[in-house]
């Protein structure tokens, strides 16, 4: 179970890390390639990017260092919330159904990590 959780965490780290870097440091490119970002301010796009970067760090640093390991669970919950908001406030209203499968996969991975890591610290 622990290995499967680490695999899910690395996948989330990679996906949200790459997306966070683009939104934070290449905001103009993000606004060109991401339809939802075109309608948002640069500050909002950067805020989302920074949130994703912090969550990506939270996927592995707390458990790796042993310092506040429950933060990994919190990061996974944060990713789940980001995906739920993306699905219901952006993609469904705009009928962007082609991106929903990726959102659902990321949501499932985030829920799996939150559930799995919560079980390690709750008991």
C-alpha atoms as a PDB file:
ATOM      1  CA  UNK A   1       0.000   0.000   0.000  1.00  0.00           C
ATOM      2  CA  UNK A   2       2.808   2.407   0.892  1.00  0.00           C
ATOM      3  CA  UNK A   3       4.494   1.907  -2.499  1.00  0.00           C
ATOM      4  CA  UNK A   4       1.205   2.538  -4.315  1.00  0.00           C
ATOM      5  CA  UNK A   5       0.681   5.717  -2.309  1.00  0.00           C
ATOM      6  CA  UNK A   6       4.192   6.910  -3.177  1.00  0.00           C
ATOM      7  CA  UNK A   7       3.547   6.232  -6.879  1.00  0.00           C
ATOM      8  CA  UNK A   8       0.320   8.266  -6.706  1.00  0.00           C
ATOM      9  CA  UNK A   9       2.149  11.037  -4.845  1.00  0.00           C
ATOM     10  CA  UNK A  10       4.913  11.180  -7.474  1.00  0.00           C
ATOM     11  CA  UNK A  11       2.290  11.362 -10.248  1.00  0.00           C
ATOM     12  CA  UNK A  12       0.544  14.243  -8.464  1.00  0.00           C
ATOM     13  CA  UNK A  13       3.903  15.913  -7.803  1.00  0.00           C
ATOM     14  CA  UNK A  14       4.781  15.720 -11.487  1.00  0.00           C
ATOM     15  CA  UNK A  15       1.463  16.896 -12.876  1.00  0.00           C
ATOM     16  CA  UNK A  16       0.868  19.725 -10.420  1.00  0.00           C
ATOM     17  CA  UNK A  17       4.555  20.652 -10.325  1.00  0.00           C
ATOM     18  CA  UNK A  18       4.728  21.127 -14.097  1.00  0.00           C
ATOM     19  CA  UNK A  19       1.411  22.969 -14.212  1.00  0.00           C
ATOM     20  CA  UNK A  20       2.415  25.131 -11.255  1.00  0.00           C
ATOM     21  CA  UNK A  21       5.725  26.112 -12.823  1.00  0.00           C
ATOM     22  CA  UNK A  22       3.999  27.132 -16.049  1.00  0.00           C
ATOM     23  CA  UNK A  23       1.284  29.147 -14.306  1.00  0.00           C
ATOM     24  CA  UNK A  24       3.704  30.805 -11.867  1.00  0.00           C
ATOM     25  CA  UNK A  25       6.728  31.548 -14.040  1.00  0.00           C
ATOM     26  CA  UNK A  26       5.322  31.450 -17.587  1.00  0.00           C
ATOM     27  CA  UNK A  27       1.984  33.141 -17.050  1.00  0.00           C
ATOM     28  CA  UNK A  28       1.778  34.519 -20.596  1.00  0.00           C
ATOM     29  CA  UNK A  29       2.292  31.034 -22.040  1.00  0.00           C
ATOM     30  CA  UNK A  30      -0.275  29.612 -19.620  1.00  0.00           C
ATOM     31  CA  UNK A  31      -2.778  32.219 -20.780  1.00  0.00           C
ATOM     32  CA  UNK A  32      -2.120  31.221 -24.403  1.00  0.00           C
ATOM     33  CA  UNK A  33      -2.494  27.480 -23.859  1.00  0.00           C
ATOM     34  CA  UNK A  34      -5.105  27.213 -21.100  1.00  0.00           C
ATOM     35  CA  UNK A  35      -8.553  28.461 -22.157  1.00  0.00           C
ATOM     36  CA  UNK A  36      -9.694  29.216 -18.587  1.00  0.00           C
ATOM     37  CA  UNK A  37      -6.596  31.336 -17.904  1.00  0.00           C
ATOM     38  CA  UNK A  38      -7.364  33.740 -20.767  1.00  0.00           C
ATOM     39  CA  UNK A  39     -10.305  35.122 -18.815  1.00  0.00           C
ATOM     40  CA  UNK A  40      -8.433  35.473 -15.521  1.00  0.00           C
ATOM     41  CA  UNK A  41      -5.944  38.048 -14.302  1.00  0.00           C
ATOM     42  CA  UNK A  42      -2.236  37.284 -14.203  1.00  0.00           C
ATOM     43  CA  UNK A  43      -2.369  37.482 -10.414  1.00  0.00           C
ATOM     44  CA  UNK A  44      -5.082  34.814 -10.215  1.00  0.00           C
ATOM     45  CA  UNK A  45      -3.225  32.490 -12.609  1.00  0.00           C
ATOM     46  CA  UNK A  46      -0.037  32.920 -10.557  1.00  0.00           C
ATOM     47  CA  UNK A  47      -1.981  32.282  -7.328  1.00  0.00           C
ATOM     48  CA  UNK A  48      -3.234  28.981  -8.744  1.00  0.00           C
ATOM     49  CA  UNK A  49       0.290  28.133  -9.884  1.00  0.00           C
ATOM     50  CA  UNK A  50       1.845  28.890  -6.509  1.00  0.00           C
ATOM     51  CA  UNK A  51      -0.870  26.828  -4.798  1.00  0.00           C
ATOM     52  CA  UNK A  52      -0.073  23.914  -7.096  1.00  0.00           C
ATOM     53  CA  UNK A  53       3.663  24.245  -6.472  1.00  0.00           C
ATOM     54  CA  UNK A  54       3.198  24.280  -2.708  1.00  0.00           C
ATOM     55  CA  UNK A  55       0.914  21.263  -2.943  1.00  0.00           C
ATOM     56  CA  UNK A  56       3.467  19.458  -5.108  1.00  0.00           C
ATOM     57  CA  UNK A  57       6.123  20.038  -2.455  1.00  0.00           C
ATOM     58  CA  UNK A  58       3.645  18.851   0.156  1.00  0.00           C
ATOM     59  CA  UNK A  59       3.282  15.565  -1.710  1.00  0.00           C
ATOM     60  CA  UNK A  60       6.738  14.395  -0.715  1.00  0.00           C
ATOM     61  CA  UNK A  61       8.717  16.737   1.554  1.00  0.00           C
ATOM     62  CA  UNK A  62       6.794  16.164   4.813  1.00  0.00           C
ATOM     63  CA  UNK A  63       6.973  12.373   4.551  1.00  0.00           C
ATOM     64  CA  UNK A  64      10.517  12.391   3.216  1.00  0.00           C
ATOM     65  CA  UNK A  65      11.824  14.567   6.054  1.00  0.00           C
ATOM     66  CA  UNK A  66       9.507  13.231   8.759  1.00  0.00           C
ATOM     67  CA  UNK A  67       8.611  16.818   9.653  1.00  0.00           C
ATOM     68  CA  UNK A  68       4.835  17.306   9.961  1.00  0.00           C
ATOM     69  CA  UNK A  69       4.001  14.304   7.742  1.00  0.00           C
ATOM     70  CA  UNK A  70       0.262  15.002   8.067  1.00  0.00           C
ATOM     71  CA  UNK A  71       0.808  17.920   5.681  1.00  0.00           C
ATOM     72  CA  UNK A  72       0.908  15.384   2.832  1.00  0.00           C
ATOM     73  CA  UNK A  73      -2.692  14.482   3.626  1.00  0.00           C
ATOM     74  CA  UNK A  74      -3.580  18.169   3.674  1.00  0.00           C
ATOM     75  CA  UNK A  75      -1.864  18.728   0.301  1.00  0.00           C
ATOM     76  CA  UNK A  76      -3.832  15.837  -1.199  1.00  0.00           C
ATOM     77  CA  UNK A  77      -7.096  17.296   0.122  1.00  0.00           C
ATOM     78  CA  UNK A  78      -6.093  20.645  -1.386  1.00  0.00           C
ATOM     79  CA  UNK A  79      -5.493  18.990  -4.775  1.00  0.00           C
ATOM     80  CA  UNK A  80      -8.895  17.305  -4.571  1.00  0.00           C
ATOM     81  CA  UNK A  81     -10.518  20.675  -3.894  1.00  0.00           C
ATOM     82  CA  UNK A  82      -8.649  22.245  -6.843  1.00  0.00           C
ATOM     83  CA  UNK A  83      -9.926  19.495  -9.137  1.00  0.00           C
ATOM     84  CA  UNK A  84     -13.508  19.743  -7.892  1.00  0.00           C
ATOM     85  CA  UNK A  85     -13.450  23.508  -8.434  1.00  0.00           C
ATOM     86  CA  UNK A  86     -11.891  23.082 -11.891  1.00  0.00           C
ATOM     87  CA  UNK A  87     -14.542  20.556 -12.909  1.00  0.00           C
ATOM     88  CA  UNK A  88     -17.618  22.343 -11.584  1.00  0.00           C
ATOM     89  CA  UNK A  89     -16.727  26.026 -11.961  1.00  0.00           C
ATOM     90  CA  UNK A  90     -14.690  25.998 -15.171  1.00  0.00           C
ATOM     91  CA  UNK A  91     -14.879  22.940 -17.395  1.00  0.00           C
ATOM     92  CA  UNK A  92     -18.521  21.854 -17.069  1.00  0.00           C
ATOM     93  CA  UNK A  93     -19.985  25.370 -17.449  1.00  0.00           C
ATOM     94  CA  UNK A  94     -17.812  25.947 -20.544  1.00  0.00           C
ATOM     95  CA  UNK A  95     -18.626  22.482 -21.907  1.00  0.00           C
ATOM     96  CA  UNK A  96     -14.923  21.582 -22.013  1.00  0.00           C
ATOM     97  CA  UNK A  97     -15.625  17.893 -21.770  1.00  0.00           C
ATOM     98  CA  UNK A  98     -12.348  16.855 -23.391  1.00  0.00           C
ATOM     99  CA  UNK A  99     -10.327  17.817 -20.283  1.00  0.00           C
ATOM    100  CA  UNK A 100     -12.629  16.174 -17.739  1.00  0.00           C
ATOM    101  CA  UNK A 101     -10.965  12.731 -17.872  1.00  0.00           C
ATOM    102  CA  UNK A 102      -7.655  14.218 -16.708  1.00  0.00           C
ATOM    103  CA  UNK A 103      -9.418  16.148 -13.938  1.00  0.00           C
ATOM    104  CA  UNK A 104     -11.193  12.983 -12.801  1.00  0.00           C
ATOM    105  CA  UNK A 105      -7.932  10.979 -12.770  1.00  0.00           C
ATOM    106  CA  UNK A 106      -6.154  13.686 -10.750  1.00  0.00           C
ATOM    107  CA  UNK A 107      -9.129  13.906  -8.398  1.00  0.00           C
ATOM    108  CA  UNK A 108      -9.097  10.132  -7.880  1.00  0.00           C
ATOM    109  CA  UNK A 109      -5.344  10.126  -7.211  1.00  0.00           C
ATOM    110  CA  UNK A 110      -5.681  12.991  -4.723  1.00  0.00           C
ATOM    111  CA  UNK A 111      -8.544  11.280  -2.891  1.00  0.00           C
ATOM    112  CA  UNK A 112      -6.582   8.020  -2.815  1.00  0.00           C
ATOM    113  CA  UNK A 113      -3.525   9.735  -1.305  1.00  0.00           C
ATOM    114  CA  UNK A 114      -5.629  11.674   1.216  1.00  0.00           C
ATOM    115  CA  UNK A 115      -7.452   8.505   2.263  1.00  0.00           C
ATOM    116  CA  UNK A 116      -4.313   6.365   2.376  1.00  0.00           C
ATOM    117  CA  UNK A 117      -2.160   8.843   4.241  1.00  0.00           C
ATOM    118  CA  UNK A 118      -4.967   9.801   6.629  1.00  0.00           C
ATOM    119  CA  UNK A 119      -5.254   6.143   7.593  1.00  0.00           C
ATOM    120  CA  UNK A 120      -1.556   6.077   8.500  1.00  0.00           C
ATOM    121  CA  UNK A 121      -1.851   9.037  10.865  1.00  0.00           C
ATOM    122  CA  UNK A 122      -5.402   8.719  12.205  1.00  0.00           C
ATOM    123  CA  UNK A 123      -4.943   5.295  13.751  1.00  0.00           C
END
